């Protein structure tokens, strides 16, 4: 959680990255305040009613897939330009806001490139973190 907070507080705003507003601690909890995304996640969207979601034979139509691809690449490009490795890119970590804009979320296992170059003794090793099928190629 603290790694996610550290990355999000230093990351400039981008339309395809979940907006982080603030955090605060109480005696027993750490509260993080993010942008509200009522559209759910991409995983749920792909598994929902295929007819009402403009899906053809269980797949996104080409126009929608292209738009989603562009938005994902825009978010990843923003992270890359800010030297952040997003280690857990998968459909369940991609959220949709009220305008169906995709937002990359869940930076708990993301790492700054500098963490690989100068790992601190008390920090967790950044190597091979994330869901096995969705790990960042930079980790290998």
C-alpha atoms as a PDB file:
ATOM      1  CA  UNK A   1       0.000   0.000   0.000  1.00  0.00           C
ATOM      2  CA  UNK A   2       2.803   2.414   0.832  1.00  0.00           C
ATOM      3  CA  UNK A   3       4.514   1.593  -2.477  1.00  0.00           C
ATOM      4  CA  UNK A   4       1.288   2.419  -4.327  1.00  0.00           C
ATOM      5  CA  UNK A   5       0.966   5.669  -2.399  1.00  0.00           C
ATOM      6  CA  UNK A   6       4.600   6.596  -3.138  1.00  0.00           C
ATOM      7  CA  UNK A   7       4.179   6.007  -6.877  1.00  0.00           C
ATOM      8  CA  UNK A   8       0.798   7.719  -7.235  1.00  0.00           C
ATOM      9  CA  UNK A   9       1.785  10.854  -5.301  1.00  0.00           C
ATOM     10  CA  UNK A  10       4.760  11.375  -7.625  1.00  0.00           C
ATOM     11  CA  UNK A  11       2.926  10.558 -10.882  1.00  0.00           C
ATOM     12  CA  UNK A  12       1.640  13.462 -13.017  1.00  0.00           C
ATOM     13  CA  UNK A  13      -2.025  13.279 -14.014  1.00  0.00           C
ATOM     14  CA  UNK A  14      -3.103  11.394 -17.164  1.00  0.00           C
ATOM     15  CA  UNK A  15      -6.552  10.707 -18.613  1.00  0.00           C
ATOM     16  CA  UNK A  16      -5.921   6.921 -18.632  1.00  0.00           C
ATOM     17  CA  UNK A  17      -4.480   6.590 -15.121  1.00  0.00           C
ATOM     18  CA  UNK A  18      -6.810   6.357 -12.115  1.00  0.00           C
ATOM     19  CA  UNK A  19      -6.674   9.722 -10.349  1.00  0.00           C
ATOM     20  CA  UNK A  20      -5.306   9.598  -6.831  1.00  0.00           C
ATOM     21  CA  UNK A  21      -6.544  12.431  -4.629  1.00  0.00           C
ATOM     22  CA  UNK A  22      -5.168  11.923  -1.157  1.00  0.00           C
ATOM     23  CA  UNK A  23      -4.607   9.535   1.690  1.00  0.00           C
ATOM     24  CA  UNK A  24      -4.864   9.721   5.446  1.00  0.00           C
ATOM     25  CA  UNK A  25      -4.239   7.430   8.353  1.00  0.00           C
ATOM     26  CA  UNK A  26      -6.393   6.649  11.337  1.00  0.00           C
ATOM     27  CA  UNK A  27      -5.394   4.573  14.300  1.00  0.00           C
ATOM     28  CA  UNK A  28      -6.172   1.271  12.552  1.00  0.00           C
ATOM     29  CA  UNK A  29      -6.476   2.117   8.848  1.00  0.00           C
ATOM     30  CA  UNK A  30      -4.839   3.803   5.899  1.00  0.00           C
ATOM     31  CA  UNK A  31      -7.470   5.439   3.681  1.00  0.00           C
ATOM     32  CA  UNK A  32      -6.720   6.195   0.038  1.00  0.00           C
ATOM     33  CA  UNK A  33      -9.056   8.411  -1.990  1.00  0.00           C
ATOM     34  CA  UNK A  34      -9.308   7.708  -5.730  1.00  0.00           C
ATOM     35  CA  UNK A  35     -11.414   8.828  -8.655  1.00  0.00           C
ATOM     36  CA  UNK A  36     -14.788   7.041  -8.786  1.00  0.00           C
ATOM     37  CA  UNK A  37     -15.147   4.623 -11.723  1.00  0.00           C
ATOM     38  CA  UNK A  38     -18.768   3.426 -11.853  1.00  0.00           C
ATOM     39  CA  UNK A  39     -18.172   1.442 -15.071  1.00  0.00           C
ATOM     40  CA  UNK A  40     -16.474  -1.392 -13.196  1.00  0.00           C
ATOM     41  CA  UNK A  41     -13.446  -3.212 -14.563  1.00  0.00           C
ATOM     42  CA  UNK A  42     -12.618  -4.523 -18.029  1.00  0.00           C
ATOM     43  CA  UNK A  43     -12.772  -8.140 -16.852  1.00  0.00           C
ATOM     44  CA  UNK A  44     -16.404  -7.735 -15.746  1.00  0.00           C
ATOM     45  CA  UNK A  45     -17.244  -5.893 -18.952  1.00  0.00           C
ATOM     46  CA  UNK A  46     -15.876  -8.730 -21.089  1.00  0.00           C
ATOM     47  CA  UNK A  47     -17.843 -11.305 -19.086  1.00  0.00           C
ATOM     48  CA  UNK A  48     -21.141  -9.369 -18.962  1.00  0.00           C
ATOM     49  CA  UNK A  49     -24.068  -9.579 -21.356  1.00  0.00           C
ATOM     50  CA  UNK A  50     -22.322  -9.699 -24.716  1.00  0.00           C
ATOM     51  CA  UNK A  51     -25.289  -8.474 -26.762  1.00  0.00           C
ATOM     52  CA  UNK A  52     -25.785  -5.245 -24.799  1.00  0.00           C
ATOM     53  CA  UNK A  53     -22.066  -4.450 -24.798  1.00  0.00           C
ATOM     54  CA  UNK A  54     -21.576  -4.385 -28.562  1.00  0.00           C
ATOM     55  CA  UNK A  55     -19.676  -7.684 -28.560  1.00  0.00           C
ATOM     56  CA  UNK A  56     -19.626  -9.956 -31.602  1.00  0.00           C
ATOM     57  CA  UNK A  57     -19.365 -13.718 -30.945  1.00  0.00           C
ATOM     58  CA  UNK A  58     -17.873 -13.142 -27.475  1.00  0.00           C
ATOM     59  CA  UNK A  59     -15.313 -10.581 -28.639  1.00  0.00           C
ATOM     60  CA  UNK A  60     -15.126  -6.801 -28.684  1.00  0.00           C
ATOM     61  CA  UNK A  61     -15.847  -5.369 -32.102  1.00  0.00           C
ATOM     62  CA  UNK A  62     -12.818  -3.980 -33.922  1.00  0.00           C
ATOM     63  CA  UNK A  63     -13.643  -0.320 -33.324  1.00  0.00           C
ATOM     64  CA  UNK A  64     -14.080  -0.791 -29.560  1.00  0.00           C
ATOM     65  CA  UNK A  65     -10.958  -2.987 -29.297  1.00  0.00           C
ATOM     66  CA  UNK A  66      -8.940  -0.358 -31.168  1.00  0.00           C
ATOM     67  CA  UNK A  67     -10.179   2.435 -28.893  1.00  0.00           C
ATOM     68  CA  UNK A  68      -9.430   0.386 -25.764  1.00  0.00           C
ATOM     69  CA  UNK A  69      -5.974  -0.491 -27.119  1.00  0.00           C
ATOM     70  CA  UNK A  70      -5.173   3.165 -27.746  1.00  0.00           C
ATOM     71  CA  UNK A  71      -6.275   4.123 -24.229  1.00  0.00           C
ATOM     72  CA  UNK A  72      -4.236   1.332 -22.608  1.00  0.00           C
ATOM     73  CA  UNK A  73      -1.159   2.291 -24.644  1.00  0.00           C
ATOM     74  CA  UNK A  74      -1.651   5.943 -23.709  1.00  0.00           C
ATOM     75  CA  UNK A  75      -1.653   5.037 -20.015  1.00  0.00           C
ATOM     76  CA  UNK A  76       1.340   2.697 -20.359  1.00  0.00           C
ATOM     77  CA  UNK A  77       3.227   5.323 -22.367  1.00  0.00           C
ATOM     78  CA  UNK A  78       2.618   7.858 -19.609  1.00  0.00           C
ATOM     79  CA  UNK A  79       3.944   5.416 -17.003  1.00  0.00           C
ATOM     80  CA  UNK A  80       6.948   4.551 -19.178  1.00  0.00           C
ATOM     81  CA  UNK A  81       7.802   8.228 -19.696  1.00  0.00           C
ATOM     82  CA  UNK A  82       7.721   8.661 -15.911  1.00  0.00           C
ATOM     83  CA  UNK A  83       9.990   5.622 -15.426  1.00  0.00           C
ATOM     84  CA  UNK A  84       7.354   3.421 -13.806  1.00  0.00           C
ATOM     85  CA  UNK A  85       7.054  -0.295 -14.522  1.00  0.00           C
ATOM     86  CA  UNK A  86       3.413  -1.377 -14.284  1.00  0.00           C
ATOM     87  CA  UNK A  87       3.825  -4.997 -13.241  1.00  0.00           C
ATOM     88  CA  UNK A  88       0.221  -6.196 -13.160  1.00  0.00           C
ATOM     89  CA  UNK A  89      -1.575  -5.168 -16.349  1.00  0.00           C
ATOM     90  CA  UNK A  90      -4.680  -7.370 -16.590  1.00  0.00           C
ATOM     91  CA  UNK A  91      -8.379  -6.828 -17.356  1.00  0.00           C
ATOM     92  CA  UNK A  92      -9.365  -6.681 -13.675  1.00  0.00           C
ATOM     93  CA  UNK A  93      -6.981  -3.747 -12.998  1.00  0.00           C
ATOM     94  CA  UNK A  94      -8.346  -1.649 -15.866  1.00  0.00           C
ATOM     95  CA  UNK A  95     -11.339   0.388 -14.734  1.00  0.00           C
ATOM     96  CA  UNK A  96     -13.945   2.322 -16.719  1.00  0.00           C
ATOM     97  CA  UNK A  97     -15.196   5.730 -15.649  1.00  0.00           C
ATOM     98  CA  UNK A  98     -18.681   7.095 -16.327  1.00  0.00           C
ATOM     99  CA  UNK A  99     -17.651   8.049 -19.886  1.00  0.00           C
ATOM    100  CA  UNK A 100     -16.230   4.555 -20.666  1.00  0.00           C
ATOM    101  CA  UNK A 101     -12.660   5.860 -20.535  1.00  0.00           C
ATOM    102  CA  UNK A 102     -10.204   3.180 -19.457  1.00  0.00           C
ATOM    103  CA  UNK A 103      -8.138   3.883 -16.344  1.00  0.00           C
ATOM    104  CA  UNK A 104      -5.107   1.851 -15.237  1.00  0.00           C
ATOM    105  CA  UNK A 105      -5.336   1.137 -11.515  1.00  0.00           C
ATOM    106  CA  UNK A 106      -3.705  -0.957  -8.785  1.00  0.00           C
ATOM    107  CA  UNK A 107      -0.121   0.202  -8.531  1.00  0.00           C
ATOM    108  CA  UNK A 108       0.630  -1.985  -5.518  1.00  0.00           C
ATOM    109  CA  UNK A 109       3.241  -4.026  -7.393  1.00  0.00           C
ATOM    110  CA  UNK A 110       4.423  -1.250  -9.740  1.00  0.00           C
ATOM    111  CA  UNK A 111       8.006  -0.052  -9.436  1.00  0.00           C
ATOM    112  CA  UNK A 112      10.023   2.988 -10.339  1.00  0.00           C
ATOM    113  CA  UNK A 113      12.929   2.164 -12.618  1.00  0.00           C
ATOM    114  CA  UNK A 114      15.266   3.619 -10.012  1.00  0.00           C
ATOM    115  CA  UNK A 115      14.141   0.887  -7.581  1.00  0.00           C
ATOM    116  CA  UNK A 116      15.822  -1.666  -9.826  1.00  0.00           C
ATOM    117  CA  UNK A 117      19.025   0.332 -10.083  1.00  0.00           C
ATOM    118  CA  UNK A 118      19.342   1.265  -6.385  1.00  0.00           C
ATOM    119  CA  UNK A 119      17.282  -1.128  -4.234  1.00  0.00           C
ATOM    120  CA  UNK A 120      17.253  -0.174  -0.560  1.00  0.00           C
ATOM    121  CA  UNK A 121      18.066  -2.788   2.038  1.00  0.00           C
ATOM    122  CA  UNK A 122      14.737  -2.449   3.840  1.00  0.00           C
ATOM    123  CA  UNK A 123      12.523  -2.503   0.716  1.00  0.00           C
ATOM    124  CA  UNK A 124      11.053  -5.557  -0.932  1.00  0.00           C
ATOM    125  CA  UNK A 125      12.870  -6.736  -4.054  1.00  0.00           C
ATOM    126  CA  UNK A 126      11.082  -5.499  -7.189  1.00  0.00           C
ATOM    127  CA  UNK A 127      11.793  -8.668  -9.138  1.00  0.00           C
ATOM    128  CA  UNK A 128       8.970 -10.847 -10.461  1.00  0.00           C
ATOM    129  CA  UNK A 129       5.978  -9.225  -8.807  1.00  0.00           C
ATOM    130  CA  UNK A 130       2.443  -9.483 -10.128  1.00  0.00           C
ATOM    131  CA  UNK A 131       0.130 -12.088 -11.618  1.00  0.00           C
ATOM    132  CA  UNK A 132       2.228 -14.665 -13.515  1.00  0.00           C
ATOM    133  CA  UNK A 133       0.364 -14.386 -16.827  1.00  0.00           C
ATOM    134  CA  UNK A 134       0.383 -10.585 -16.735  1.00  0.00           C
ATOM    135  CA  UNK A 135       3.882  -9.717 -15.490  1.00  0.00           C
ATOM    136  CA  UNK A 136       5.782  -6.872 -17.087  1.00  0.00           C
ATOM    137  CA  UNK A 137       8.428  -8.069 -19.552  1.00  0.00           C
ATOM    138  CA  UNK A 138      10.936  -5.689 -17.904  1.00  0.00           C
ATOM    139  CA  UNK A 139      10.946  -8.040 -14.905  1.00  0.00           C
ATOM    140  CA  UNK A 140      12.599 -10.756 -16.955  1.00  0.00           C
END
